[in-house]
Amino acid sequence: MVKDVIDFYYFSGTGNTLLVVQKMSDVFTEKGIQVNLHPMERSKPDNINLDHTIGLGFPIAELSTYNFVWKFIRGLPETDQNTEIFMVDTLAGISGGVVGPVHEIVKKKGYHPIGAREIVMPPNIFYIEDEETSKEKVQRGLIRAEQYAGELCTGNSQWDKSSIFSRTVYYTSLAGLKITESSLNQKLLHLKTDEAKCKSCGICVKLCPVHNITMDEGKTPEHGFNCEYCLRCTSLCPRGAISCPFNYQGKTYHAVKAKEFLK
């Protein structure tokens, strides 16, 4: 059961996880629990308050999650206070390399894992579904998020332990075989900005969680070779100026507007 204060650390690529975190936060607040939301890309794991319940929220990518999200989780400080912790992830299909390994990491650090939930939301990569289907998936996902938050409040949530498959995927990612760490894939799937469409607004620079996009004043943004493929830049560019080489017909999806990430 969660404590009176929750520090909810989250990363959201194009908005699905943000919507889930906000819905869960609404439920906690209605129960009289204080919730502090902390974007992972602007937070340091060693600064967390071990007297509070810790929440982790993030999307699934490549059956796992992003490298900087793993870095945040592995960077959590050890505790002898049995600090409560829960996680939620959003995904289009299956993960396989997250729930068990995160449990293993936080348990070894002295935390008390109280719940984990994976919530299906619309995909933002490869095949983008039609607007109506996406809306229906979002609504179903938010219902699950609401239910999960209620279970955390009553102490009825669970965190399933690791499977062999999840451990294999996780440790493979640590070995540097993830797509986002491959120099070849960085070159083959390099995102670029169309100079003719771009108006140099700089939104993509501000949105990138790993500072992979730079821009001189009045110039077209330059994309480096450390992309995590969260697709914020591609999906939230107001001019549609950033190519997405692995999306069918170049379609994109985002659950919220860019301003939600720029607050």
C-alpha atoms as a PDB file:
ATOM      1  CA  MET A   1       0.000   0.000   0.000  1.00  0.00           C
ATOM      2  CA  VAL A   2       1.352   3.407  -0.989  1.00  0.00           C
ATOM      3  CA  LYS A   3       2.346   6.036   1.581  1.00  0.00           C
ATOM      4  CA  ASP A   4       0.978   9.561   1.942  1.00  0.00           C
ATOM      5  CA  VAL A   5       3.431  10.962  -0.618  1.00  0.00           C
ATOM      6  CA  ILE A   6       4.346   9.472  -3.997  1.00  0.00           C
ATOM      7  CA  ASP A   7       7.253  10.657  -6.123  1.00  0.00           C
ATOM      8  CA  PHE A   8       6.334   9.464  -9.614  1.00  0.00           C
ATOM      9  CA  TYR A   9       9.294   9.414 -12.024  1.00  0.00           C
ATOM     10  CA  TYR A  10       8.289   8.913 -15.636  1.00  0.00           C
ATOM     11  CA  PHE A  11       9.378   9.163 -19.233  1.00  0.00           C
ATOM     12  CA  SER A  12       6.908   9.423 -22.088  1.00  0.00           C
ATOM     13  CA  GLY A  13       7.887   9.334 -25.732  1.00  0.00           C
ATOM     14  CA  THR A  14       4.823  10.609 -27.558  1.00  0.00           C
ATOM     15  CA  GLY A  15       2.345  10.824 -24.692  1.00  0.00           C
ATOM     16  CA  ASN A  16       0.879   7.397 -23.879  1.00  0.00           C
ATOM     17  CA  THR A  17       2.820   6.988 -20.650  1.00  0.00           C
ATOM     18  CA  LEU A  18       2.141  10.587 -19.668  1.00  0.00           C
ATOM     19  CA  LEU A  19      -1.610  10.022 -19.969  1.00  0.00           C
ATOM     20  CA  VAL A  20      -1.384   6.880 -17.831  1.00  0.00           C
ATOM     21  CA  VAL A  21       0.732   8.606 -15.183  1.00  0.00           C
ATOM     22  CA  GLN A  22      -1.667  11.547 -15.059  1.00  0.00           C
ATOM     23  CA  LYS A  23      -4.678   9.237 -14.687  1.00  0.00           C
ATOM     24  CA  MET A  24      -3.004   7.313 -11.870  1.00  0.00           C
ATOM     25  CA  SER A  25      -2.026  10.578 -10.199  1.00  0.00           C
ATOM     26  CA  ASP A  26      -5.650  11.737 -10.314  1.00  0.00           C
ATOM     27  CA  VAL A  27      -6.730   8.572  -8.501  1.00  0.00           C
ATOM     28  CA  PHE A  28      -4.021   8.966  -5.857  1.00  0.00           C
ATOM     29  CA  THR A  29      -4.967  12.601  -5.303  1.00  0.00           C
ATOM     30  CA  GLU A  30      -8.641  11.688  -4.884  1.00  0.00           C
ATOM     31  CA  LYS A  31      -7.540   9.284  -2.137  1.00  0.00           C
ATOM     32  CA  GLY A  32      -5.784  12.113  -0.317  1.00  0.00           C
ATOM     33  CA  ILE A  33      -2.282  11.095  -1.420  1.00  0.00           C
ATOM     34  CA  GLN A  34       0.181  13.791  -2.500  1.00  0.00           C
ATOM     35  CA  VAL A  35       1.775  13.075  -5.877  1.00  0.00           C
ATOM     36  CA  ASN A  36       4.901  14.756  -7.205  1.00  0.00           C
ATOM     37  CA  LEU A  37       5.542  14.162 -10.917  1.00  0.00           C
ATOM     38  CA  HIS A  38       9.168  14.102 -12.089  1.00  0.00           C
ATOM     39  CA  PRO A  39      10.162  13.665 -15.772  1.00  0.00           C
ATOM     40  CA  MET A  40      13.054  11.172 -15.802  1.00  0.00           C
ATOM     41  CA  GLU A  41      15.000  13.142 -18.395  1.00  0.00           C
ATOM     42  CA  ARG A  42      15.161  16.081 -15.969  1.00  0.00           C
ATOM     43  CA  SER A  43      15.721  14.085 -12.773  1.00  0.00           C
ATOM     44  CA  LYS A  44      18.650  12.481 -10.999  1.00  0.00           C
ATOM     45  CA  PRO A  45      17.966   9.095  -9.380  1.00  0.00           C
ATOM     46  CA  ASP A  46      20.328   9.743  -6.480  1.00  0.00           C
ATOM     47  CA  ASN A  47      18.155  12.710  -5.392  1.00  0.00           C
ATOM     48  CA  ILE A  48      15.024  10.703  -4.615  1.00  0.00           C
ATOM     49  CA  ASN A  49      13.370  10.865  -1.184  1.00  0.00           C
ATOM     50  CA  LEU A  50      13.476   7.397   0.334  1.00  0.00           C
ATOM     51  CA  ASP A  51      10.736   8.348   2.819  1.00  0.00           C
ATOM     52  CA  HIS A  52       8.217   8.540  -0.031  1.00  0.00           C
ATOM     53  CA  THR A  53       6.695   5.815  -2.199  1.00  0.00           C
ATOM     54  CA  ILE A  54       8.516   5.741  -5.545  1.00  0.00           C
ATOM     55  CA  GLY A  55       6.694   5.278  -8.844  1.00  0.00           C
ATOM     56  CA  LEU A  56       8.339   4.465 -12.193  1.00  0.00           C
ATOM     57  CA  GLY A  57       6.559   4.953 -15.513  1.00  0.00           C
ATOM     58  CA  PHE A  58       7.970   4.471 -19.017  1.00  0.00           C
ATOM     59  CA  PRO A  59       7.215   3.045 -22.476  1.00  0.00           C
ATOM     60  CA  ILE A  60       8.383  -0.239 -23.943  1.00  0.00           C
ATOM     61  CA  ALA A  61      10.895  -0.087 -26.788  1.00  0.00           C
ATOM     62  CA  GLU A  62      12.442  -3.098 -28.559  1.00  0.00           C
ATOM     63  CA  LEU A  63      10.823  -5.483 -26.058  1.00  0.00           C
ATOM     64  CA  SER A  64      12.662  -3.556 -23.342  1.00  0.00           C
ATOM     65  CA  THR A  65      12.902   0.173 -22.647  1.00  0.00           C
ATOM     66  CA  TYR A  66      15.233   3.038 -23.477  1.00  0.00           C
ATOM     67  CA  ASN A  67      18.866   3.045 -22.409  1.00  0.00           C
ATOM     68  CA  PHE A  68      18.548   6.225 -20.368  1.00  0.00           C
ATOM     69  CA  VAL A  69      15.527   4.767 -18.541  1.00  0.00           C
ATOM     70  CA  TRP A  70      17.593   1.704 -17.588  1.00  0.00           C
ATOM     71  CA  LYS A  71      20.356   4.047 -16.486  1.00  0.00           C
ATOM     72  CA  PHE A  72      17.912   5.905 -14.242  1.00  0.00           C
ATOM     73  CA  ILE A  73      16.615   2.689 -12.682  1.00  0.00           C
ATOM     74  CA  ARG A  74      20.091   1.245 -12.162  1.00  0.00           C
ATOM     75  CA  GLY A  75      21.127   4.580 -10.640  1.00  0.00           C
ATOM     76  CA  LEU A  76      18.535   4.466  -7.858  1.00  0.00           C
ATOM     77  CA  PRO A  77      20.249   4.670  -4.452  1.00  0.00           C
ATOM     78  CA  GLU A  78      20.297   1.712  -2.100  1.00  0.00           C
ATOM     79  CA  THR A  79      17.972   1.867   0.885  1.00  0.00           C
ATOM     80  CA  ASP A  80      17.657   0.173   4.258  1.00  0.00           C
ATOM     81  CA  GLN A  81      14.179   1.658   4.778  1.00  0.00           C
ATOM     82  CA  ASN A  82      12.293  -0.915   2.709  1.00  0.00           C
ATOM     83  CA  THR A  83      11.113   1.979   0.524  1.00  0.00           C
ATOM     84  CA  GLU A  84       7.974   1.088  -1.420  1.00  0.00           C
ATOM     85  CA  ILE A  85       8.235   1.185  -5.210  1.00  0.00           C
ATOM     86  CA  PHE A  86       5.895   0.400  -8.104  1.00  0.00           C
ATOM     87  CA  MET A  87       6.147   0.544 -11.884  1.00  0.00           C
ATOM     88  CA  VAL A  88       3.889   0.915 -14.898  1.00  0.00           C
ATOM     89  CA  ASP A  89       4.810   0.670 -18.546  1.00  0.00           C
ATOM     90  CA  THR A  90       2.905   1.284 -21.762  1.00  0.00           C
ATOM     91  CA  LEU A  91       3.262  -0.881 -24.836  1.00  0.00           C
ATOM     92  CA  ALA A  92       1.681  -1.744 -28.150  1.00  0.00           C
ATOM     93  CA  GLY A  93       2.032  -5.520 -27.810  1.00  0.00           C
ATOM     94  CA  ILE A  94       4.477  -7.411 -25.602  1.00  0.00           C
ATOM     95  CA  SER A  95       7.586  -6.509 -23.626  1.00  0.00           C
ATOM     96  CA  GLY A  96       9.356  -9.513 -22.137  1.00  0.00           C
ATOM     97  CA  GLY A  97      12.430  -7.697 -20.887  1.00  0.00           C
ATOM     98  CA  VAL A  98      11.248  -5.245 -18.247  1.00  0.00           C
ATOM     99  CA  VAL A  99       8.995  -6.302 -15.371  1.00  0.00           C
ATOM    100  CA  GLY A 100      11.194  -9.080 -13.991  1.00  0.00           C
ATOM    101  CA  PRO A 101      14.558  -7.324 -14.348  1.00  0.00           C
ATOM    102  CA  VAL A 102      13.273  -4.084 -12.779  1.00  0.00           C
ATOM    103  CA  HIS A 103      11.973  -6.142  -9.842  1.00  0.00           C
ATOM    104  CA  GLU A 104      15.386  -7.753  -9.497  1.00  0.00           C
ATOM    105  CA  ILE A 105      17.220  -4.420  -9.584  1.00  0.00           C
ATOM    106  CA  VAL A 106      15.081  -2.610  -7.015  1.00  0.00           C
ATOM    107  CA  LYS A 107      14.828  -5.637  -4.721  1.00  0.00           C
ATOM    108  CA  LYS A 108      18.620  -5.916  -4.543  1.00  0.00           C
ATOM    109  CA  LYS A 109      18.818  -2.222  -3.706  1.00  0.00           C
ATOM    110  CA  GLY A 110      16.559  -2.732  -0.668  1.00  0.00           C
ATOM    111  CA  TYR A 111      13.224  -1.491  -2.037  1.00  0.00           C
ATOM    112  CA  HIS A 112       9.857  -3.097  -1.380  1.00  0.00           C
ATOM    113  CA  PRO A 113       8.224  -3.775  -4.811  1.00  0.00           C
ATOM    114  CA  ILE A 114       4.465  -3.369  -4.404  1.00  0.00           C
ATOM    115  CA  GLY A 115       3.137  -3.487  -7.944  1.00  0.00           C
ATOM    116  CA  ALA A 116       3.810  -3.640 -11.677  1.00  0.00           C
ATOM    117  CA  ARG A 117       1.404  -3.259 -14.564  1.00  0.00           C
ATOM    118  CA  GLU A 118       1.770  -3.215 -18.344  1.00  0.00           C
ATOM    119  CA  ILE A 119      -0.884  -1.213 -20.180  1.00  0.00           C
ATOM    120  CA  VAL A 120      -1.602  -1.541 -23.895  1.00  0.00           C
ATOM    121  CA  MET A 121      -1.830   1.781 -25.727  1.00  0.00           C
ATOM    122  CA  PRO A 122      -1.696   2.764 -29.429  1.00  0.00           C
ATOM    123  CA  PRO A 123       1.616   2.152 -31.238  1.00  0.00           C
ATOM    124  CA  ASN A 124       3.717   5.139 -32.286  1.00  0.00           C
ATOM    125  CA  ILE A 125       6.013   3.182 -34.588  1.00  0.00           C
ATOM    126  CA  PHE A 126       5.774   1.037 -37.747  1.00  0.00           C
ATOM    127  CA  TYR A 127       2.008   0.777 -38.420  1.00  0.00           C
ATOM    128  CA  ILE A 128      -0.005   3.720 -37.074  1.00  0.00           C
ATOM    129  CA  GLU A 129      -3.650   2.885 -36.402  1.00  0.00           C
ATOM    130  CA  ASP A 130      -6.589   5.052 -37.409  1.00  0.00           C
ATOM    131  CA  GLU A 131      -7.715   7.823 -35.065  1.00  0.00           C
ATOM    132  CA  GLU A 132     -10.855   6.075 -33.821  1.00  0.00           C
ATOM    133  CA  THR A 133      -9.007   2.855 -32.980  1.00  0.00           C
ATOM    134  CA  SER A 134      -6.332   4.841 -31.189  1.00  0.00           C
ATOM    135  CA  LYS A 135      -8.894   6.711 -29.108  1.00  0.00           C
ATOM    136  CA  GLU A 136     -10.573   3.461 -28.077  1.00  0.00           C
ATOM    137  CA  LYS A 137      -7.237   1.959 -27.023  1.00  0.00           C
ATOM    138  CA  VAL A 138      -6.381   5.048 -25.024  1.00  0.00           C
ATOM    139  CA  GLN A 139      -9.686   4.898 -23.165  1.00  0.00           C
ATOM    140  CA  ARG A 140      -9.247   1.188 -22.362  1.00  0.00           C
ATOM    141  CA  GLY A 141      -5.707   1.871 -21.217  1.00  0.00           C
ATOM    142  CA  LEU A 142      -6.779   4.686 -18.916  1.00  0.00           C
ATOM    143  CA  ILE A 143      -9.425   2.442 -17.357  1.00  0.00           C
ATOM    144  CA  ARG A 144      -6.677  -0.089 -16.569  1.00  0.00           C
ATOM    145  CA  ALA A 145      -4.508   2.691 -15.171  1.00  0.00           C
ATOM    146  CA  GLU A 146      -7.322   3.819 -12.899  1.00  0.00           C
ATOM    147  CA  GLN A 147      -7.900   0.265 -11.682  1.00  0.00           C
ATOM    148  CA  TYR A 148      -4.195  -0.264 -11.051  1.00  0.00           C
ATOM    149  CA  ALA A 149      -3.882   2.941  -9.041  1.00  0.00           C
ATOM    150  CA  GLY A 150      -6.844   1.824  -6.936  1.00  0.00           C
ATOM    151  CA  GLU A 151      -5.174  -1.538  -6.274  1.00  0.00           C
ATOM    152  CA  LEU A 152      -1.986   0.233  -5.170  1.00  0.00           C
ATOM    153  CA  CYS A 153      -4.021   2.334  -2.725  1.00  0.00           C
ATOM    154  CA  THR A 154      -5.679  -0.715  -1.161  1.00  0.00           C
ATOM    155  CA  GLY A 155      -2.599  -2.938  -1.121  1.00  0.00           C
ATOM    156  CA  ASN A 156      -4.035  -5.374  -3.671  1.00  0.00           C
ATOM    157  CA  SER A 157      -1.448  -4.867  -6.410  1.00  0.00           C
ATOM    158  CA  GLN A 158       1.175  -7.443  -7.377  1.00  0.00           C
ATOM    159  CA  TRP A 159       4.581  -7.479  -9.067  1.00  0.00           C
ATOM    160  CA  ASP A 160       5.257 -10.699 -10.944  1.00  0.00           C
ATOM    161  CA  LYS A 161       8.826 -11.957 -10.789  1.00  0.00           C
ATOM    162  CA  SER A 162      11.272 -12.424 -13.627  1.00  0.00           C
ATOM    163  CA  SER A 163      10.989 -14.948 -16.414  1.00  0.00           C
ATOM    164  CA  ILE A 164      13.900 -16.510 -18.300  1.00  0.00           C
ATOM    165  CA  PHE A 165      12.850 -14.622 -21.433  1.00  0.00           C
ATOM    166  CA  SER A 166      12.781 -11.253 -19.682  1.00  0.00           C
ATOM    167  CA  ARG A 167      16.219 -11.797 -18.151  1.00  0.00           C
ATOM    168  CA  THR A 168      17.628 -12.787 -21.540  1.00  0.00           C
ATOM    169  CA  VAL A 169      16.286  -9.672 -23.257  1.00  0.00           C
ATOM    170  CA  TYR A 170      17.484  -7.430 -20.444  1.00  0.00           C
ATOM    171  CA  TYR A 171      21.020  -8.752 -20.266  1.00  0.00           C
ATOM    172  CA  THR A 172      21.258  -8.743 -24.057  1.00  0.00           C
ATOM    173  CA  SER A 173      20.439  -5.042 -23.953  1.00  0.00           C
ATOM    174  CA  LEU A 174      23.155  -4.499 -21.371  1.00  0.00           C
ATOM    175  CA  ALA A 175      25.632  -6.190 -23.679  1.00  0.00           C
ATOM    176  CA  GLY A 176      25.158  -3.302 -26.091  1.00  0.00           C
ATOM    177  CA  LEU A 177      23.123  -5.123 -28.719  1.00  0.00           C
ATOM    178  CA  LYS A 178      20.106  -2.814 -28.547  1.00  0.00           C
ATOM    179  CA  ILE A 179      19.247  -0.968 -31.735  1.00  0.00           C
ATOM    180  CA  THR A 180      19.814   2.413 -30.081  1.00  0.00           C
ATOM    181  CA  GLU A 181      23.412   1.504 -29.224  1.00  0.00           C
ATOM    182  CA  SER A 182      24.333   0.149 -32.649  1.00  0.00           C
ATOM    183  CA  SER A 183      26.418   2.562 -34.753  1.00  0.00           C
ATOM    184  CA  LEU A 184      25.252   0.776 -37.916  1.00  0.00           C
ATOM    185  CA  ASN A 185      21.600   1.243 -37.086  1.00  0.00           C
ATOM    186  CA  GLN A 186      22.219   4.844 -36.063  1.00  0.00           C
ATOM    187  CA  LYS A 187      23.472   5.418 -39.604  1.00  0.00           C
ATOM    188  CA  LEU A 188      20.858   3.357 -41.419  1.00  0.00           C
ATOM    189  CA  LEU A 189      17.942   4.769 -39.401  1.00  0.00           C
ATOM    190  CA  HIS A 190      19.293   8.256 -38.964  1.00  0.00           C
ATOM    191  CA  LEU A 191      16.524  10.817 -38.460  1.00  0.00           C
ATOM    192  CA  LYS A 192      16.823  13.992 -40.506  1.00  0.00           C
ATOM    193  CA  THR A 193      15.018  17.304 -40.768  1.00  0.00           C
ATOM    194  CA  ASP A 194      13.692  18.437 -44.136  1.00  0.00           C
ATOM    195  CA  GLU A 195      15.164  21.905 -44.611  1.00  0.00           C
ATOM    196  CA  ALA A 196      12.341  22.945 -46.973  1.00  0.00           C
ATOM    197  CA  LYS A 197       9.635  22.168 -44.386  1.00  0.00           C
ATOM    198  CA  CYS A 198      11.476  23.287 -41.241  1.00  0.00           C
ATOM    199  CA  LYS A 199      10.828  26.769 -39.819  1.00  0.00           C
ATOM    200  CA  SER A 200      13.613  26.535 -37.193  1.00  0.00           C
ATOM    201  CA  CYS A 201      11.154  26.736 -34.289  1.00  0.00           C
ATOM    202  CA  GLY A 202      13.489  24.651 -32.097  1.00  0.00           C
ATOM    203  CA  ILE A 203      10.727  22.504 -30.598  1.00  0.00           C
ATOM    204  CA  CYS A 204      12.535  19.281 -31.536  1.00  0.00           C
ATOM    205  CA  VAL A 205      15.682  20.475 -29.751  1.00  0.00           C
ATOM    206  CA  LYS A 206      13.706  21.118 -26.561  1.00  0.00           C
ATOM    207  CA  LEU A 207      11.801  17.822 -26.835  1.00  0.00           C
ATOM    208  CA  CYS A 208      14.775  15.470 -27.259  1.00  0.00           C
ATOM    209  CA  PRO A 209      15.351  13.699 -23.915  1.00  0.00           C
ATOM    210  CA  VAL A 210      18.987  12.885 -24.662  1.00  0.00           C
ATOM    211  CA  HIS A 211      20.012  16.197 -26.264  1.00  0.00           C
ATOM    212  CA  ASN A 212      20.722  14.499 -29.581  1.00  0.00           C
ATOM    213  CA  ILE A 213      19.380  17.433 -31.637  1.00  0.00           C
ATOM    214  CA  THR A 214      21.210  20.733 -31.909  1.00  0.00           C
ATOM    215  CA  MET A 215      20.455  23.875 -33.859  1.00  0.00           C
ATOM    216  CA  ASP A 216      22.280  27.107 -34.567  1.00  0.00           C
ATOM    217  CA  GLU A 217      20.080  30.200 -34.656  1.00  0.00           C
ATOM    218  CA  GLY A 218      18.061  30.341 -37.848  1.00  0.00           C
ATOM    219  CA  LYS A 219      19.464  27.035 -39.097  1.00  0.00           C
ATOM    220  CA  THR A 220      17.952  23.598 -39.690  1.00  0.00           C
ATOM    221  CA  PRO A 221      18.298  21.237 -36.699  1.00  0.00           C
ATOM    222  CA  GLU A 222      21.092  18.676 -36.815  1.00  0.00           C
ATOM    223  CA  HIS A 223      20.503  15.133 -35.542  1.00  0.00           C
ATOM    224  CA  GLY A 224      23.399  13.365 -33.843  1.00  0.00           C
ATOM    225  CA  PHE A 225      24.065   9.633 -33.661  1.00  0.00           C
ATOM    226  CA  ASN A 226      22.863   8.935 -30.120  1.00  0.00           C
ATOM    227  CA  CYS A 227      19.160   8.768 -30.899  1.00  0.00           C
ATOM    228  CA  GLU A 228      16.971   6.640 -28.604  1.00  0.00           C
ATOM    229  CA  TYR A 229      14.115   6.582 -31.167  1.00  0.00           C
ATOM    230  CA  CYS A 230      11.457   7.754 -28.734  1.00  0.00           C
ATOM    231  CA  LEU A 231       9.951   9.539 -31.781  1.00  0.00           C
ATOM    232  CA  ARG A 232       9.100  12.752 -29.945  1.00  0.00           C
ATOM    233  CA  CYS A 233      10.752  14.882 -32.615  1.00  0.00           C
ATOM    234  CA  THR A 234       9.212  13.039 -35.535  1.00  0.00           C
ATOM    235  CA  SER A 235       5.696  12.834 -34.050  1.00  0.00           C
ATOM    236  CA  LEU A 236       5.481  16.301 -32.514  1.00  0.00           C
ATOM    237  CA  CYS A 237       7.152  18.474 -35.150  1.00  0.00           C
ATOM    238  CA  PRO A 238       4.433  21.020 -36.068  1.00  0.00           C
ATOM    239  CA  ARG A 239       5.594  21.039 -39.688  1.00  0.00           C
ATOM    240  CA  GLY A 240       6.062  17.296 -40.119  1.00  0.00           C
ATOM    241  CA  ALA A 241       9.608  18.092 -41.149  1.00  0.00           C
ATOM    242  CA  ILE A 242      11.423  15.175 -39.504  1.00  0.00           C
ATOM    243  CA  SER A 243      11.485  11.917 -41.424  1.00  0.00           C
ATOM    244  CA  CYS A 244      10.501   8.602 -39.869  1.00  0.00           C
ATOM    245  CA  PRO A 245      12.063   5.902 -42.067  1.00  0.00           C
ATOM    246  CA  PHE A 246      10.451   2.959 -40.281  1.00  0.00           C
ATOM    247  CA  ASN A 247       6.807   4.133 -40.166  1.00  0.00           C
ATOM    248  CA  TYR A 248       4.393   2.867 -42.817  1.00  0.00           C
ATOM    249  CA  GLN A 249       3.649   5.682 -45.293  1.00  0.00           C
ATOM    250  CA  GLY A 250       5.382   8.122 -42.952  1.00  0.00           C
ATOM    251  CA  LYS A 251       2.393   8.333 -40.602  1.00  0.00           C
ATOM    252  CA  THR A 252       2.930   9.376 -36.982  1.00  0.00           C
ATOM    253  CA  TYR A 253       1.038   9.190 -33.700  1.00  0.00           C
ATOM    254  CA  HIS A 254       1.092  11.308 -30.576  1.00  0.00           C
ATOM    255  CA  ALA A 255      -1.235  11.177 -27.580  1.00  0.00           C
ATOM    256  CA  VAL A 256      -0.594  14.722 -26.347  1.00  0.00           C
ATOM    257  CA  LYS A 257       0.613  18.000 -27.808  1.00  0.00           C
ATOM    258  CA  ALA A 258       4.209  19.195 -27.608  1.00  0.00           C
ATOM    259  CA  LYS A 259       3.328  21.805 -24.976  1.00  0.00           C
ATOM    260  CA  GLU A 260       2.693  19.010 -22.448  1.00  0.00           C
ATOM    261  CA  PHE A 261       6.394  18.140 -22.584  1.00  0.00           C
ATOM    262  CA  LEU A 262       7.590  21.730 -22.654  1.00  0.00           C
ATOM    263  CA  LYS A 263       5.950  22.856 -19.403  1.00  0.00           C
END
